[in-house]
Amino acid sequence: MLSKEQWRKIAIHCDSYNPMEKKLDMTSPVYEEKYESCENCSHFTEDKRCDLDLMDKVLSSLGMELDLKS
């Protein structure tokens, strides 16, 4: 299972990120839709997966970038 931070990093670097249009939930203590995240993407499924199967691809790309910077 990926962390919320990983979901945010994936969304920032994903070319297919497409934010869902949701109504503001005034009962929520923290309104997180202002952040890019897989959780806010229209391709994110109820079982917490990308229906385009891009999460692993983006994560591995990020990992390669980090290796190159080391």
N, C-alpha and C. Protein backbone atom coordinates (compact mmCIF):
# COMPACT_ATOMS: atom_id res chain seq x y z
N MET A 1 0.85 -1.18 0.00
CA MET A 1 0.00 0.00 0.00
C MET A 1 0.89 1.24 0.00
N LEU A 2 0.55 2.16 -0.82
CA LEU A 2 1.31 3.41 -0.92
C LEU A 2 0.85 4.41 0.13
N SER A 3 1.74 5.30 0.50
CA SER A 3 1.41 6.35 1.47
C SER A 3 0.76 7.54 0.77
N LYS A 4 0.15 8.40 1.54
CA LYS A 4 -0.45 9.61 0.97
C LYS A 4 0.62 10.47 0.29
N GLU A 5 1.81 10.50 0.87
CA GLU A 5 2.91 11.28 0.28
C GLU A 5 3.29 10.71 -1.09
N GLN A 6 3.32 9.39 -1.21
CA GLN A 6 3.64 8.77 -2.51
C GLN A 6 2.55 9.08 -3.52
N TRP A 7 1.27 9.04 -3.09
CA TRP A 7 0.18 9.38 -3.99
C TRP A 7 0.30 10.82 -4.49
N ARG A 8 0.74 11.71 -3.62
CA ARG A 8 0.92 13.11 -4.02
C ARG A 8 2.07 13.24 -5.02
N LYS A 9 3.17 12.55 -4.76
CA LYS A 9 4.31 12.62 -5.67
C LYS A 9 3.97 12.04 -7.04
N ILE A 10 3.23 10.93 -7.03
CA ILE A 10 2.82 10.32 -8.30
C ILE A 10 1.97 11.31 -9.09
N ALA A 11 0.99 11.91 -8.44
CA ALA A 11 0.08 12.84 -9.13
C ALA A 11 0.84 14.03 -9.72
N ILE A 12 1.81 14.55 -8.98
CA ILE A 12 2.58 15.69 -9.45
C ILE A 12 3.35 15.36 -10.72
N HIS A 13 3.84 14.12 -10.81
CA HIS A 13 4.69 13.72 -11.93
C HIS A 13 3.95 12.91 -13.00
N CYS A 14 2.67 12.71 -12.85
CA CYS A 14 1.90 11.89 -13.80
C CYS A 14 1.31 12.77 -14.90
N ASP A 15 1.59 12.42 -16.14
CA ASP A 15 1.07 13.17 -17.27
C ASP A 15 -0.44 12.98 -17.46
N SER A 16 -0.99 11.93 -16.87
CA SER A 16 -2.42 11.63 -17.03
C SER A 16 -3.26 12.03 -15.82
N TYR A 17 -2.65 12.76 -14.87
CA TYR A 17 -3.41 13.20 -13.70
C TYR A 17 -4.58 14.07 -14.14
N ASN A 18 -5.76 13.71 -13.67
CA ASN A 18 -6.98 14.42 -14.04
C ASN A 18 -7.83 14.59 -12.78
N PRO A 19 -7.79 15.77 -12.16
CA PRO A 19 -8.52 15.95 -10.90
C PRO A 19 -10.02 15.76 -11.06
N MET A 20 -10.59 15.06 -10.08
CA MET A 20 -12.04 14.87 -10.06
C MET A 20 -12.71 16.15 -9.61
N GLU A 21 -13.91 16.32 -10.07
CA GLU A 21 -14.69 17.45 -9.57
C GLU A 21 -15.54 16.93 -8.43
N LYS A 22 -15.25 17.41 -7.24
CA LYS A 22 -16.01 17.01 -6.05
C LYS A 22 -16.55 18.26 -5.38
N LYS A 23 -17.62 18.07 -4.68
CA LYS A 23 -18.16 19.16 -3.89
C LYS A 23 -17.39 19.23 -2.58
N LEU A 24 -17.24 20.42 -2.07
CA LEU A 24 -16.55 20.63 -0.80
C LEU A 24 -17.31 19.96 0.33
N ASP A 25 -16.60 19.13 1.09
CA ASP A 25 -17.19 18.47 2.24
C ASP A 25 -16.92 19.32 3.47
N MET A 26 -17.90 20.05 3.90
CA MET A 26 -17.72 20.98 5.00
C MET A 26 -17.55 20.26 6.34
N THR A 27 -17.86 18.95 6.41
CA THR A 27 -17.70 18.21 7.65
C THR A 27 -16.28 17.70 7.82
N SER A 28 -15.50 17.74 6.76
CA SER A 28 -14.12 17.25 6.83
C SER A 28 -13.25 18.26 7.56
N PRO A 29 -12.44 17.79 8.53
CA PRO A 29 -11.57 18.72 9.27
C PRO A 29 -10.47 19.31 8.38
N VAL A 30 -10.05 18.57 7.37
CA VAL A 30 -9.01 19.06 6.47
C VAL A 30 -9.50 18.82 5.05
N TYR A 31 -9.54 19.86 4.28
CA TYR A 31 -9.98 19.76 2.90
C TYR A 31 -8.74 19.57 2.03
N GLU A 32 -8.50 18.33 1.55
CA GLU A 32 -7.26 18.00 0.88
C GLU A 32 -7.34 18.06 -0.64
N GLU A 33 -8.45 18.44 -1.22
CA GLU A 33 -8.55 18.46 -2.67
C GLU A 33 -7.69 19.53 -3.31
N LYS A 34 -7.16 20.44 -2.52
CA LYS A 34 -6.30 21.48 -3.09
C LYS A 34 -4.94 20.90 -3.47
N TYR A 35 -4.63 19.70 -2.97
CA TYR A 35 -3.38 19.05 -3.28
C TYR A 35 -3.56 18.07 -4.43
N GLU A 36 -2.59 18.02 -5.33
CA GLU A 36 -2.61 16.98 -6.34
C GLU A 36 -2.32 15.66 -5.64
N SER A 37 -3.14 14.67 -5.87
CA SER A 37 -2.97 13.36 -5.27
C SER A 37 -3.73 12.34 -6.10
N CYS A 38 -3.24 11.12 -6.12
CA CYS A 38 -3.97 10.06 -6.80
C CYS A 38 -5.39 9.96 -6.25
N GLU A 39 -5.55 10.22 -4.96
CA GLU A 39 -6.88 10.13 -4.34
C GLU A 39 -7.87 11.12 -4.97
N ASN A 40 -7.37 12.18 -5.57
CA ASN A 40 -8.23 13.19 -6.18
C ASN A 40 -8.31 13.06 -7.70
N CYS A 41 -7.72 11.99 -8.24
CA CYS A 41 -7.66 11.80 -9.69
C CYS A 41 -8.85 10.97 -10.17
N SER A 42 -9.34 11.30 -11.34
CA SER A 42 -10.48 10.57 -11.90
C SER A 42 -10.12 9.14 -12.27
N HIS A 43 -8.84 8.82 -12.37
CA HIS A 43 -8.39 7.47 -12.71
C HIS A 43 -8.19 6.59 -11.48
N PHE A 44 -8.36 7.14 -10.29
CA PHE A 44 -8.17 6.40 -9.04
C PHE A 44 -9.44 5.63 -8.72
N THR A 45 -9.32 4.31 -8.55
CA THR A 45 -10.48 3.46 -8.33
C THR A 45 -10.80 3.30 -6.85
N GLU A 46 -11.95 2.70 -6.57
CA GLU A 46 -12.36 2.49 -5.18
C GLU A 46 -11.42 1.54 -4.45
N ASP A 47 -10.75 0.64 -5.19
CA ASP A 47 -9.80 -0.27 -4.54
C ASP A 47 -8.39 0.31 -4.51
N LYS A 48 -8.31 1.63 -4.64
CA LYS A 48 -7.06 2.41 -4.50
C LYS A 48 -6.00 2.03 -5.53
N ARG A 49 -6.45 1.94 -6.79
CA ARG A 49 -5.55 1.65 -7.90
C ARG A 49 -5.80 2.66 -9.01
N CYS A 50 -4.85 2.75 -9.90
CA CYS A 50 -4.98 3.60 -11.09
C CYS A 50 -5.59 2.76 -12.20
N ASP A 51 -6.71 3.21 -12.76
CA ASP A 51 -7.32 2.41 -13.83
C ASP A 51 -6.50 2.46 -15.12
N LEU A 52 -5.51 3.34 -15.19
CA LEU A 52 -4.58 3.38 -16.33
C LEU A 52 -3.30 2.61 -16.02
N ASP A 53 -3.20 2.07 -14.81
CA ASP A 53 -2.05 1.28 -14.35
C ASP A 53 -0.75 2.07 -14.49
N LEU A 54 -0.76 3.32 -14.01
CA LEU A 54 0.41 4.19 -14.14
C LEU A 54 1.21 4.37 -12.86
N MET A 55 0.69 3.96 -11.72
CA MET A 55 1.36 4.22 -10.45
C MET A 55 2.78 3.64 -10.42
N ASP A 56 2.93 2.38 -10.77
CA ASP A 56 4.26 1.75 -10.74
C ASP A 56 5.21 2.41 -11.73
N LYS A 57 4.68 2.76 -12.89
CA LYS A 57 5.51 3.40 -13.91
C LYS A 57 6.03 4.74 -13.42
N VAL A 58 5.17 5.56 -12.83
CA VAL A 58 5.58 6.87 -12.34
C VAL A 58 6.53 6.72 -11.16
N LEU A 59 6.22 5.79 -10.24
CA LEU A 59 7.10 5.58 -9.08
C LEU A 59 8.48 5.11 -9.51
N SER A 60 8.55 4.20 -10.47
CA SER A 60 9.86 3.72 -10.92
C SER A 60 10.62 4.84 -11.62
N SER A 61 9.92 5.70 -12.33
CA SER A 61 10.55 6.85 -12.97
C SER A 61 11.12 7.80 -11.92
N LEU A 62 10.36 8.02 -10.84
CA LEU A 62 10.84 8.88 -9.75
C LEU A 62 12.06 8.26 -9.09
N GLY A 63 12.04 6.94 -8.92
CA GLY A 63 13.17 6.24 -8.33
C GLY A 63 14.43 6.38 -9.18
N MET A 64 14.27 6.33 -10.48
CA MET A 64 15.40 6.49 -11.39
C MET A 64 15.96 7.90 -11.27
N GLU A 65 15.09 8.90 -11.16
CA GLU A 65 15.54 10.28 -11.03
C GLU A 65 16.35 10.45 -9.74
N LEU A 66 15.89 9.84 -8.65
CA LEU A 66 16.60 9.95 -7.38
C LEU A 66 17.95 9.25 -7.45
N ASP A 67 18.03 8.12 -8.15
CA ASP A 67 19.30 7.42 -8.31
C ASP A 67 20.30 8.26 -9.09
N LEU A 68 19.82 8.97 -10.10
CA LEU A 68 20.71 9.80 -10.93
C LEU A 68 21.25 10.98 -10.14
N LYS A 69 20.47 11.49 -9.19
CA LYS A 69 20.91 12.65 -8.40
C LYS A 69 21.92 12.26 -7.32
N SER A 70 21.98 10.99 -6.96
CA SER A 70 22.89 10.53 -5.90
C SER A 70 24.32 10.50 -6.37
